[in-house]
């Protein structure tokens, strides 16, 4: 059997409601972490969805060697920084629209 892709969700609102169930539909994916702007919110989301890791620091998800890919459900003003850090860490990224605030950010993300 193929190894599962471990997903880290950054953004516990839409991420918890839409991304978590969507990734769980695939037998190839497992949700390994969820990040929210407030730790209490992340912990509540993790408990509700049975996700092993909760954090309020997206860098912890990027730096987690067990996480293979990140799904970003954050405001556009935050998405480029997180996406670039994840790509530089060798993670695959799934971004919501709009991808970035401007063409330059979108080009940087695409290039990364």
PDB file of N, CA and C in Angstrom:
ATOM      1  N   UNK A   1       0.830  -1.188   0.000  1.00  0.00           N
ATOM      2  CA  UNK A   1       0.000   0.000   0.000  1.00  0.00           C
ATOM      3  C   UNK A   1       0.876   1.254   0.000  1.00  0.00           C
ATOM      4  N   UNK A   2       0.416   2.269  -0.685  1.00  0.00           N
ATOM      5  CA  UNK A   2       1.117   3.530  -0.794  1.00  0.00           C
ATOM      6  C   UNK A   2       1.126   4.264   0.550  1.00  0.00           C
ATOM      7  N   UNK A   3       2.256   4.921   0.878  1.00  0.00           N
ATOM      8  CA  UNK A   3       2.357   5.693   2.111  1.00  0.00           C
ATOM      9  C   UNK A   3       1.384   6.876   2.063  1.00  0.00           C
ATOM     10  N   UNK A   4       0.782   7.174   3.196  1.00  0.00           N
ATOM     11  CA  UNK A   4      -0.164   8.290   3.246  1.00  0.00           C
ATOM     12  C   UNK A   4       0.559   9.622   3.238  1.00  0.00           C
ATOM     13  N   UNK A   5      -0.089  10.596   2.636  1.00  0.00           N
ATOM     14  CA  UNK A   5       0.384  11.970   2.656  1.00  0.00           C
ATOM     15  C   UNK A   5      -0.211  12.619   3.897  1.00  0.00           C
ATOM     16  N   UNK A   6       0.659  13.153   4.760  1.00  0.00           N
ATOM     17  CA  UNK A   6       0.204  13.780   5.989  1.00  0.00           C
ATOM     18  C   UNK A   6       0.034  15.274   5.719  1.00  0.00           C
ATOM     19  N   UNK A   7      -1.173  15.755   5.949  1.00  0.00           N
ATOM     20  CA  UNK A   7      -1.543  17.136   5.647  1.00  0.00           C
ATOM     21  C   UNK A   7      -1.591  17.960   6.922  1.00  0.00           C
ATOM     22  N   UNK A   8      -1.061  19.168   6.853  1.00  0.00           N
ATOM     23  CA  UNK A   8      -1.227  20.158   7.908  1.00  0.00           C
ATOM     24  C   UNK A   8      -2.176  21.228   7.413  1.00  0.00           C
ATOM     25  N   UNK A   9      -3.210  21.505   8.177  1.00  0.00           N
ATOM     26  CA  UNK A   9      -4.198  22.510   7.812  1.00  0.00           C
ATOM     27  C   UNK A   9      -3.859  23.801   8.547  1.00  0.00           C
ATOM     28  N   UNK A  10      -3.693  24.887   7.816  1.00  0.00           N
ATOM     29  CA  UNK A  10      -3.450  26.188   8.432  1.00  0.00           C
ATOM     30  C   UNK A  10      -4.686  27.043   8.168  1.00  0.00           C
ATOM     31  N   UNK A  11      -5.410  27.312   9.243  1.00  0.00           N
ATOM     32  CA  UNK A  11      -6.677  28.032   9.161  1.00  0.00           C
ATOM     33  C   UNK A  11      -7.779  27.112   9.637  1.00  0.00           C
ATOM     34  N   UNK A  12      -8.203  27.300  10.863  1.00  0.00           N
ATOM     35  CA  UNK A  12      -9.122  26.333  11.467  1.00  0.00           C
ATOM     36  C   UNK A  12     -10.592  26.614  11.205  1.00  0.00           C
ATOM     37  N   UNK A  13     -10.937  27.751  10.649  1.00  0.00           N
ATOM     38  CA  UNK A  13     -12.338  28.008  10.322  1.00  0.00           C
ATOM     39  C   UNK A  13     -12.752  27.193   9.108  1.00  0.00           C
ATOM     40  N   UNK A  14     -12.504  27.748   7.929  1.00  0.00           N
ATOM     41  CA  UNK A  14     -12.802  27.063   6.670  1.00  0.00           C
ATOM     42  C   UNK A  14     -12.001  25.772   6.562  1.00  0.00           C
ATOM     43  N   UNK A  15     -10.790  25.787   7.076  1.00  0.00           N
ATOM     44  CA  UNK A  15      -9.948  24.594   7.025  1.00  0.00           C
ATOM     45  C   UNK A  15     -10.580  23.415   7.724  1.00  0.00           C
ATOM     46  N   UNK A  16     -11.128  23.670   8.903  1.00  0.00           N
ATOM     47  CA  UNK A  16     -11.771  22.602   9.676  1.00  0.00           C
ATOM     48  C   UNK A  16     -13.074  22.146   9.013  1.00  0.00           C
ATOM     49  N   UNK A  17     -13.829  23.105   8.509  1.00  0.00           N
ATOM     50  CA  UNK A  17     -15.139  22.785   7.952  1.00  0.00           C
ATOM     51  C   UNK A  17     -15.076  22.148   6.572  1.00  0.00           C
ATOM     52  N   UNK A  18     -14.078  22.541   5.761  1.00  0.00           N
ATOM     53  CA  UNK A  18     -14.037  22.088   4.365  1.00  0.00           C
ATOM     54  C   UNK A  18     -12.810  21.235   4.053  1.00  0.00           C
ATOM     55  N   UNK A  19     -11.630  21.718   4.412  1.00  0.00           N
ATOM     56  CA  UNK A  19     -10.414  20.987   4.041  1.00  0.00           C
ATOM     57  C   UNK A  19     -10.290  19.643   4.756  1.00  0.00           C
ATOM     58  N   UNK A  20     -10.523  19.642   6.057  1.00  0.00           N
ATOM     59  CA  UNK A  20     -10.379  18.381   6.804  1.00  0.00           C
ATOM     60  C   UNK A  20     -11.264  17.291   6.208  1.00  0.00           C
ATOM     61  N   UNK A  21     -12.576  17.525   6.051  1.00  0.00           N
ATOM     62  CA  UNK A  21     -13.405  16.460   5.462  1.00  0.00           C
ATOM     63  C   UNK A  21     -12.996  16.097   4.029  1.00  0.00           C
ATOM     64  N   UNK A  22     -12.572  17.083   3.253  1.00  0.00           N
ATOM     65  CA  UNK A  22     -12.190  16.803   1.865  1.00  0.00           C
ATOM     66  C   UNK A  22     -10.959  15.904   1.805  1.00  0.00           C
ATOM     67  N   UNK A  23      -9.934  16.218   2.593  1.00  0.00           N
ATOM     68  CA  UNK A  23      -8.736  15.381   2.574  1.00  0.00           C
ATOM     69  C   UNK A  23      -9.004  14.001   3.157  1.00  0.00           C
ATOM     70  N   UNK A  24      -9.898  13.926   4.094  1.00  0.00           N
ATOM     71  CA  UNK A  24     -10.221  12.620   4.684  1.00  0.00           C
ATOM     72  C   UNK A  24     -10.995  11.723   3.730  1.00  0.00           C
ATOM     73  N   UNK A  25     -11.544  12.285   2.677  1.00  0.00           N
ATOM     74  CA  UNK A  25     -12.229  11.477   1.666  1.00  0.00           C
ATOM     75  C   UNK A  25     -11.245  10.612   0.887  1.00  0.00           C
ATOM     76  N   UNK A  26      -9.992  11.021   0.869  1.00  0.00           N
ATOM     77  CA  UNK A  26      -8.979  10.259   0.133  1.00  0.00           C
ATOM     78  C   UNK A  26      -8.277   9.290   1.074  1.00  0.00           C
ATOM     79  N   UNK A  27      -8.235   8.016   0.723  1.00  0.00           N
ATOM     80  CA  UNK A  27      -7.516   7.057   1.561  1.00  0.00           C
ATOM     81  C   UNK A  27      -6.001   7.297   1.542  1.00  0.00           C
ATOM     82  N   UNK A  28      -5.527   8.150   0.626  1.00  0.00           N
ATOM     83  CA  UNK A  28      -4.097   8.455   0.543  1.00  0.00           C
ATOM     84  C   UNK A  28      -3.674   9.578   1.485  1.00  0.00           C
ATOM     85  N   UNK A  29      -4.649  10.263   2.110  1.00  0.00           N
ATOM     86  CA  UNK A  29      -4.337  11.419   2.948  1.00  0.00           C
ATOM     87  C   UNK A  29      -4.705  11.181   4.403  1.00  0.00           C
ATOM     88  N   UNK A  30      -3.965  11.855   5.260  1.00  0.00           N
ATOM     89  CA  UNK A  30      -4.254  11.861   6.692  1.00  0.00           C
ATOM     90  C   UNK A  30      -3.984  13.276   7.196  1.00  0.00           C
ATOM     91  N   UNK A  31      -4.886  13.811   7.980  1.00  0.00           N
ATOM     92  CA  UNK A  31      -4.688  15.150   8.539  1.00  0.00           C
ATOM     93  C   UNK A  31      -3.894  14.997   9.831  1.00  0.00           C
ATOM     94  N   UNK A  32      -2.697  15.601   9.852  1.00  0.00           N
ATOM     95  CA  UNK A  32      -1.799  15.427  10.991  1.00  0.00           C
ATOM     96  C   UNK A  32      -1.681  16.620  11.908  1.00  0.00           C
ATOM     97  N   UNK A  33      -2.149  17.793  11.452  1.00  0.00           N
ATOM     98  CA  UNK A  33      -2.030  18.989  12.286  1.00  0.00           C
ATOM     99  C   UNK A  33      -3.044  20.029  11.827  1.00  0.00           C
ATOM    100  N   UNK A  34      -3.439  20.877  12.770  1.00  0.00           N
ATOM    101  CA  UNK A  34      -4.295  22.018  12.445  1.00  0.00           C
ATOM    102  C   UNK A  34      -3.780  23.226  13.201  1.00  0.00           C
ATOM    103  N   UNK A  35      -3.806  24.363  12.527  1.00  0.00           N
ATOM    104  CA  UNK A  35      -3.299  25.609  13.092  1.00  0.00           C
ATOM    105  C   UNK A  35      -4.393  26.666  13.022  1.00  0.00           C
ATOM    106  N   UNK A  36      -4.545  27.396  14.109  1.00  0.00           N
ATOM    107  CA  UNK A  36      -5.482  28.519  14.168  1.00  0.00           C
ATOM    108  C   UNK A  36      -4.752  29.713  14.765  1.00  0.00           C
ATOM    109  N   UNK A  37      -5.327  30.872  14.630  1.00  0.00           N
ATOM    110  CA  UNK A  37      -4.678  32.065  15.168  1.00  0.00           C
ATOM    111  C   UNK A  37      -4.647  32.050  16.690  1.00  0.00           C
ATOM    112  N   UNK A  38      -5.593  31.362  17.296  1.00  0.00           N
ATOM    113  CA  UNK A  38      -5.594  31.200  18.755  1.00  0.00           C
ATOM    114  C   UNK A  38      -5.435  29.729  19.098  1.00  0.00           C
ATOM    115  N   UNK A  39      -4.538  29.419  20.032  1.00  0.00           N
ATOM    116  CA  UNK A  39      -4.261  28.035  20.408  1.00  0.00           C
ATOM    117  C   UNK A  39      -5.518  27.319  20.876  1.00  0.00           C
ATOM    118  N   UNK A  40      -6.344  27.997  21.642  1.00  0.00           N
ATOM    119  CA  UNK A  40      -7.575  27.367  22.142  1.00  0.00           C
ATOM    120  C   UNK A  40      -8.468  26.921  20.990  1.00  0.00           C
ATOM    121  N   UNK A  41      -8.530  27.742  19.946  1.00  0.00           N
ATOM    122  CA  UNK A  41      -9.348  27.400  18.780  1.00  0.00           C
ATOM    123  C   UNK A  41      -8.759  26.183  18.060  1.00  0.00           C
ATOM    124  N   UNK A  42      -7.434  26.157  17.930  1.00  0.00           N
ATOM    125  CA  UNK A  42      -6.768  25.019  17.286  1.00  0.00           C
ATOM    126  C   UNK A  42      -6.994  23.745  18.092  1.00  0.00           C
ATOM    127  N   UNK A  43      -6.869  23.834  19.408  1.00  0.00           N
ATOM    128  CA  UNK A  43      -7.074  22.659  20.261  1.00  0.00           C
ATOM    129  C   UNK A  43      -8.508  22.157  20.187  1.00  0.00           C
ATOM    130  N   UNK A  44      -9.451  23.073  20.163  1.00  0.00           N
ATOM    131  CA  UNK A  44     -10.863  22.694  20.041  1.00  0.00           C
ATOM    132  C   UNK A  44     -11.127  22.001  18.704  1.00  0.00           C
ATOM    133  N   UNK A  45     -10.574  22.564  17.630  1.00  0.00           N
ATOM    134  CA  UNK A  45     -10.749  21.969  16.299  1.00  0.00           C
ATOM    135  C   UNK A  45     -10.096  20.593  16.230  1.00  0.00           C
ATOM    136  N   UNK A  46      -8.897  20.473  16.800  1.00  0.00           N
ATOM    137  CA  UNK A  46      -8.182  19.190  16.787  1.00  0.00           C
ATOM    138  C   UNK A  46      -8.955  18.129  17.561  1.00  0.00           C
ATOM    139  N   UNK A  47      -9.484  18.507  18.699  1.00  0.00           N
ATOM    140  CA  UNK A  47     -10.251  17.552  19.503  1.00  0.00           C
ATOM    141  C   UNK A  47     -11.514  17.113  18.763  1.00  0.00           C
ATOM    142  N   UNK A  48     -12.213  18.084  18.205  1.00  0.00           N
ATOM    143  CA  UNK A  48     -13.458  17.798  17.485  1.00  0.00           C
ATOM    144  C   UNK A  48     -13.229  16.877  16.283  1.00  0.00           C
ATOM    145  N   UNK A  49     -12.125  17.096  15.576  1.00  0.00           N
ATOM    146  CA  UNK A  49     -11.860  16.336  14.351  1.00  0.00           C
ATOM    147  C   UNK A  49     -10.851  15.205  14.546  1.00  0.00           C
ATOM    148  N   UNK A  50     -10.440  14.962  15.781  1.00  0.00           N
ATOM    149  CA  UNK A  50      -9.477  13.903  16.082  1.00  0.00           C
ATOM    150  C   UNK A  50      -8.181  14.079  15.274  1.00  0.00           C
ATOM    151  N   UNK A  51      -7.613  15.271  15.381  1.00  0.00           N
ATOM    152  CA  UNK A  51      -6.346  15.604  14.715  1.00  0.00           C
ATOM    153  C   UNK A  51      -5.272  15.618  15.799  1.00  0.00           C
ATOM    154  N   UNK A  52      -4.145  14.929  15.590  1.00  0.00           N
ATOM    155  CA  UNK A  52      -3.170  14.765  16.669  1.00  0.00           C
ATOM    156  C   UNK A  52      -2.425  16.014  17.121  1.00  0.00           C
ATOM    157  N   UNK A  53      -2.258  17.006  16.247  1.00  0.00           N
ATOM    158  CA  UNK A  53      -1.464  18.179  16.621  1.00  0.00           C
ATOM    159  C   UNK A  53      -2.268  19.452  16.430  1.00  0.00           C
ATOM    160  N   UNK A  54      -2.210  20.333  17.434  1.00  0.00           N
ATOM    161  CA  UNK A  54      -2.859  21.642  17.361  1.00  0.00           C
ATOM    162  C   UNK A  54      -1.829  22.698  17.725  1.00  0.00           C
ATOM    163  N   UNK A  55      -1.846  23.807  16.989  1.00  0.00           N
ATOM    164  CA  UNK A  55      -0.907  24.889  17.254  1.00  0.00           C
ATOM    165  C   UNK A  55      -1.501  26.217  16.809  1.00  0.00           C
ATOM    166  N   UNK A  56      -0.943  27.283  17.334  1.00  0.00           N
ATOM    167  CA  UNK A  56      -1.319  28.623  16.873  1.00  0.00           C
ATOM    168  C   UNK A  56      -0.174  29.249  16.075  1.00  0.00           C
ATOM    169  N   UNK A  57       0.850  28.468  15.798  1.00  0.00           N
ATOM    170  CA  UNK A  57       2.016  28.968  15.071  1.00  0.00           C
ATOM    171  C   UNK A  57       2.195  28.159  13.787  1.00  0.00           C
ATOM    172  N   UNK A  58       1.895  28.763  12.654  1.00  0.00           N
ATOM    173  CA  UNK A  58       1.983  28.034  11.386  1.00  0.00           C
ATOM    174  C   UNK A  58       3.396  27.548  11.097  1.00  0.00           C
ATOM    175  N   UNK A  59       4.399  28.218  11.640  1.00  0.00           N
ATOM    176  CA  UNK A  59       5.784  27.783  11.418  1.00  0.00           C
ATOM    177  C   UNK A  59       6.032  26.391  12.001  1.00  0.00           C
ATOM    178  N   UNK A  60       5.328  26.052  13.069  1.00  0.00           N
ATOM    179  CA  UNK A  60       5.454  24.711  13.646  1.00  0.00           C
ATOM    180  C   UNK A  60       4.962  23.647  12.663  1.00  0.00           C
ATOM    181  N   UNK A  61       3.934  23.965  11.916  1.00  0.00           N
ATOM    182  CA  UNK A  61       3.417  23.023  10.918  1.00  0.00           C
ATOM    183  C   UNK A  61       4.407  22.911   9.763  1.00  0.00           C
ATOM    184  N   UNK A  62       4.928  24.039   9.305  1.00  0.00           N
ATOM    185  CA  UNK A  62       5.925  24.034   8.227  1.00  0.00           C
ATOM    186  C   UNK A  62       7.160  23.242   8.641  1.00  0.00           C
ATOM    187  N   UNK A  63       7.596  23.419   9.887  1.00  0.00           N
ATOM    188  CA  UNK A  63       8.831  22.777  10.355  1.00  0.00           C
ATOM    189  C   UNK A  63       8.656  21.317  10.778  1.00  0.00           C
ATOM    190  N   UNK A  64       7.439  20.844  10.867  1.00  0.00           N
ATOM    191  CA  UNK A  64       7.171  19.477  11.322  1.00  0.00           C
ATOM    192  C   UNK A  64       7.561  18.485  10.218  1.00  0.00           C
ATOM    193  N   UNK A  65       8.555  17.672  10.493  1.00  0.00           N
ATOM    194  CA  UNK A  65       9.048  16.722   9.480  1.00  0.00           C
ATOM    195  C   UNK A  65       8.024  15.632   9.152  1.00  0.00           C
ATOM    196  N   UNK A  66       7.013  15.457   9.974  1.00  0.00           N
ATOM    197  CA  UNK A  66       5.973  14.465   9.696  1.00  0.00           C
ATOM    198  C   UNK A  66       4.909  14.980   8.736  1.00  0.00           C
ATOM    199  N   UNK A  67       4.876  16.282   8.518  1.00  0.00           N
ATOM    200  CA  UNK A  67       3.883  16.893   7.623  1.00  0.00           C
ATOM    201  C   UNK A  67       4.481  16.986   6.227  1.00  0.00           C
ATOM    202  N   UNK A  68       3.783  16.430   5.239  1.00  0.00           N
ATOM    203  CA  UNK A  68       4.258  16.417   3.855  1.00  0.00           C
ATOM    204  C   UNK A  68       3.721  17.589   3.038  1.00  0.00           C
ATOM    205  N   UNK A  69       2.534  18.077   3.395  1.00  0.00           N
ATOM    206  CA  UNK A  69       1.880  19.121   2.603  1.00  0.00           C
ATOM    207  C   UNK A  69       1.038  19.998   3.516  1.00  0.00           C
ATOM    208  N   UNK A  70       0.836  21.246   3.097  1.00  0.00           N
ATOM    209  CA  UNK A  70       0.004  22.172   3.846  1.00  0.00           C
ATOM    210  C   UNK A  70      -1.171  22.609   2.998  1.00  0.00           C
ATOM    211  N   UNK A  71      -2.330  22.682   3.606  1.00  0.00           N
ATOM    212  CA  UNK A  71      -3.517  23.264   2.989  1.00  0.00           C
ATOM    213  C   UNK A  71      -3.755  24.583   3.698  1.00  0.00           C
ATOM    214  N   UNK A  72      -3.767  25.663   2.939  1.00  0.00           N
ATOM    215  CA  UNK A  72      -3.880  26.995   3.518  1.00  0.00           C
ATOM    216  C   UNK A  72      -5.288  27.544   3.336  1.00  0.00           C
ATOM    217  N   UNK A  73      -5.912  27.858   4.447  1.00  0.00           N
ATOM    218  CA  UNK A  73      -7.236  28.473   4.463  1.00  0.00           C
ATOM    219  C   UNK A  73      -7.119  29.727   5.328  1.00  0.00           C
ATOM    220  N   UNK A  74      -6.313  30.654   4.834  1.00  0.00           N
ATOM    221  CA  UNK A  74      -6.009  31.879   5.568  1.00  0.00           C
ATOM    222  C   UNK A  74      -6.332  33.081   4.693  1.00  0.00           C
ATOM    223  N   UNK A  75      -6.423  34.264   5.294  1.00  0.00           N
ATOM    224  CA  UNK A  75      -6.646  35.466   4.483  1.00  0.00           C
ATOM    225  C   UNK A  75      -5.522  35.664   3.463  1.00  0.00           C
ATOM    226  N   UNK A  76      -5.843  36.247   2.315  1.00  0.00           N
ATOM    227  CA  UNK A  76      -4.832  36.456   1.275  1.00  0.00           C
ATOM    228  C   UNK A  76      -3.607  37.220   1.775  1.00  0.00           C
ATOM    229  N   UNK A  77      -3.776  38.080   2.743  1.00  0.00           N
ATOM    230  CA  UNK A  77      -2.638  38.847   3.255  1.00  0.00           C
ATOM    231  C   UNK A  77      -1.612  37.972   3.967  1.00  0.00           C
ATOM    232  N   UNK A  78      -1.997  36.775   4.387  1.00  0.00           N
ATOM    233  CA  UNK A  78      -1.098  35.850   5.077  1.00  0.00           C
ATOM    234  C   UNK A  78      -0.612  34.710   4.190  1.00  0.00           C
ATOM    235  N   UNK A  79      -1.351  34.429   3.149  1.00  0.00           N
ATOM    236  CA  UNK A  79      -1.111  33.218   2.367  1.00  0.00           C
ATOM    237  C   UNK A  79       0.265  33.162   1.702  1.00  0.00           C
ATOM    238  N   UNK A  80       0.728  34.264   1.138  1.00  0.00           N
ATOM    239  CA  UNK A  80       2.003  34.234   0.413  1.00  0.00           C
ATOM    240  C   UNK A  80       3.163  33.881   1.340  1.00  0.00           C
ATOM    241  N   UNK A  81       3.223  34.503   2.509  1.00  0.00           N
ATOM    242  CA  UNK A  81       4.333  34.224   3.431  1.00  0.00           C
ATOM    243  C   UNK A  81       4.362  32.749   3.842  1.00  0.00           C
ATOM    244  N   UNK A  82       3.194  32.211   4.150  1.00  0.00           N
ATOM    245  CA  UNK A  82       3.118  30.811   4.576  1.00  0.00           C
ATOM    246  C   UNK A  82       3.439  29.873   3.411  1.00  0.00           C
ATOM    247  N   UNK A  83       2.879  30.158   2.254  1.00  0.00           N
ATOM    248  CA  UNK A  83       3.116  29.313   1.078  1.00  0.00           C
ATOM    249  C   UNK A  83       4.591  29.290   0.705  1.00  0.00           C
ATOM    250  N   UNK A  84       5.235  30.437   0.725  1.00  0.00           N
ATOM    251  CA  UNK A  84       6.663  30.493   0.384  1.00  0.00           C
ATOM    252  C   UNK A  84       7.499  29.736   1.405  1.00  0.00           C
ATOM    253  N   UNK A  85       7.201  29.888   2.674  1.00  0.00           N
ATOM    254  CA  UNK A  85       7.949  29.162   3.706  1.00  0.00           C
ATOM    255  C   UNK A  85       7.764  27.655   3.550  1.00  0.00           C
ATOM    256  N   UNK A  86       6.536  27.238   3.266  1.00  0.00           N
ATOM    257  CA  UNK A  86       6.258  25.812   3.092  1.00  0.00           C
ATOM    258  C   UNK A  86       6.998  25.261   1.873  1.00  0.00           C
ATOM    259  N   UNK A  87       6.963  25.987   0.774  1.00  0.00           N
ATOM    260  CA  UNK A  87       7.659  25.533  -0.436  1.00  0.00           C
ATOM    261  C   UNK A  87       9.165  25.463  -0.193  1.00  0.00           C
ATOM    262  N   UNK A  88       9.709  26.445   0.493  1.00  0.00           N
ATOM    263  CA  UNK A  88      11.140  26.441   0.786  1.00  0.00           C
ATOM    264  C   UNK A  88      11.518  25.289   1.714  1.00  0.00           C
ATOM    265  N   UNK A  89      10.564  24.824   2.511  1.00  0.00           N
ATOM    266  CA  UNK A  89      10.806  23.683   3.396  1.00  0.00           C
ATOM    267  C   UNK A  89      10.571  22.356   2.677  1.00  0.00           C
ATOM    268  N   UNK A  90      10.245  22.420   1.399  1.00  0.00           N
ATOM    269  CA  UNK A  90      10.044  21.200   0.620  1.00  0.00           C
ATOM    270  C   UNK A  90       8.655  20.602   0.737  1.00  0.00           C
ATOM    271  N   UNK A  91       7.704  21.379   1.242  1.00  0.00           N
ATOM    272  CA  UNK A  91       6.328  20.887   1.387  1.00  0.00           C
ATOM    273  C   UNK A  91       5.525  21.222   0.138  1.00  0.00           C
ATOM    274  N   UNK A  92       4.575  20.384  -0.159  1.00  0.00           N
ATOM    275  CA  UNK A  92       3.590  20.690  -1.185  1.00  0.00           C
ATOM    276  C   UNK A  92       2.576  21.631  -0.548  1.00  0.00           C
ATOM    277  N   UNK A  93       1.942  22.474  -1.375  1.00  0.00           N
ATOM    278  CA  UNK A  93       0.969  23.417  -0.835  1.00  0.00           C
ATOM    279  C   UNK A  93      -0.324  23.388  -1.638  1.00  0.00           C
ATOM    280  N   UNK A  94      -1.416  23.557  -0.922  1.00  0.00           N
ATOM    281  CA  UNK A  94      -2.747  23.693  -1.497  1.00  0.00           C
ATOM    282  C   UNK A  94      -3.246  25.044  -1.017  1.00  0.00           C
ATOM    283  N   UNK A  95      -3.453  25.975  -1.945  1.00  0.00           N
ATOM    284  CA  UNK A  95      -3.832  27.338  -1.578  1.00  0.00           C
ATOM    285  C   UNK A  95      -5.260  27.642  -2.003  1.00  0.00           C
ATOM    286  N   UNK A  96      -5.927  28.430  -1.189  1.00  0.00           N
ATOM    287  CA  UNK A  96      -7.245  28.952  -1.535  1.00  0.00           C
ATOM    288  C   UNK A  96      -7.070  30.159  -2.443  1.00  0.00           C
ATOM    289  N   UNK A  97      -8.133  30.559  -3.072  1.00  0.00           N
ATOM    290  CA  UNK A  97      -8.098  31.756  -3.898  1.00  0.00           C
ATOM    291  C   UNK A  97      -8.540  32.953  -3.071  1.00  0.00           C
ATOM    292  N   UNK A  98      -8.071  34.113  -3.349  1.00  0.00           N
ATOM    293  CA  UNK A  98      -7.018  34.400  -4.307  1.00  0.00           C
ATOM    294  C   UNK A  98      -5.677  33.909  -3.787  1.00  0.00           C
ATOM    295  N   UNK A  99      -4.809  33.559  -4.704  1.00  0.00           N
ATOM    296  CA  UNK A  99      -3.506  33.010  -4.345  1.00  0.00           C
ATOM    297  C   UNK A  99      -2.673  34.025  -3.573  1.00  0.00           C
ATOM    298  N   UNK A 100      -2.741  35.292  -3.974  1.00  0.00           N
ATOM    299  CA  UNK A 100      -1.899  36.315  -3.361  1.00  0.00           C
ATOM    300  C   UNK A 100      -2.561  37.676  -3.510  1.00  0.00           C
ATOM    301  N   UNK A 101      -1.920  38.672  -2.918  1.00  0.00           N
ATOM    302  CA  UNK A 101      -2.446  40.032  -2.995  1.00  0.00           C
ATOM    303  C   UNK A 101      -2.101  40.739  -4.293  1.00  0.00           C
ATOM    304  N   UNK A 102      -1.049  40.236  -4.977  1.00  0.00           N
ATOM    305  CA  UNK A 102      -0.628  40.887  -6.216  1.00  0.00           C
ATOM    306  C   UNK A 102       0.083  39.872  -7.111  1.00  0.00           C
ATOM    307  N   UNK A 103       0.343  40.291  -8.317  1.00  0.00           N
ATOM    308  CA  UNK A 103       0.970  39.411  -9.307  1.00  0.00           C
ATOM    309  C   UNK A 103       2.344  38.950  -8.854  1.00  0.00           C
ATOM    310  N   UNK A 104       3.125  39.846  -8.273  1.00  0.00           N
ATOM    311  CA  UNK A 104       4.490  39.489  -7.843  1.00  0.00           C
ATOM    312  C   UNK A 104       4.470  38.359  -6.821  1.00  0.00           C
ATOM    313  N   UNK A 105       3.582  38.475  -5.827  1.00  0.00           N
ATOM    314  CA  UNK A 105       3.475  37.398  -4.818  1.00  0.00           C
ATOM    315  C   UNK A 105       3.057  36.092  -5.476  1.00  0.00           C
ATOM    316  N   UNK A 106       2.096  36.164  -6.381  1.00  0.00           N
ATOM    317  CA  UNK A 106       1.631  34.946  -7.059  1.00  0.00           C
ATOM    318  C   UNK A 106       2.752  34.319  -7.881  1.00  0.00           C
ATOM    319  N   UNK A 107       3.542  35.134  -8.552  1.00  0.00           N
ATOM    320  CA  UNK A 107       4.668  34.624  -9.330  1.00  0.00           C
ATOM    321  C   UNK A 107       5.711  33.984  -8.411  1.00  0.00           C
ATOM    322  N   UNK A 108       5.967  34.605  -7.258  1.00  0.00           N
ATOM    323  CA  UNK A 108       6.930  34.058  -6.312  1.00  0.00           C
ATOM    324  C   UNK A 108       6.469  32.690  -5.789  1.00  0.00           C
ATOM    325  N   UNK A 109       5.190  32.590  -5.473  1.00  0.00           N
ATOM    326  CA  UNK A 109       4.640  31.311  -4.992  1.00  0.00           C
ATOM    327  C   UNK A 109       4.750  30.251  -6.086  1.00  0.00           C
ATOM    328  N   UNK A 110       4.362  30.603  -7.282  1.00  0.00           N
ATOM    329  CA  UNK A 110       4.423  29.661  -8.397  1.00  0.00           C
ATOM    330  C   UNK A 110       5.853  29.200  -8.655  1.00  0.00           C
ATOM    331  N   UNK A 111       6.786  30.107  -8.600  1.00  0.00           N
ATOM    332  CA  UNK A 111       8.190  29.762  -8.828  1.00  0.00           C
ATOM    333  C   UNK A 111       8.728  28.856  -7.716  1.00  0.00           C
ATOM    334  N   UNK A 112       8.282  29.107  -6.490  1.00  0.00           N
ATOM    335  CA  UNK A 112       8.765  28.300  -5.354  1.00  0.00           C
ATOM    336  C   UNK A 112       8.240  26.898  -5.455  1.00  0.00           C
TER     337      UNK A 112
END
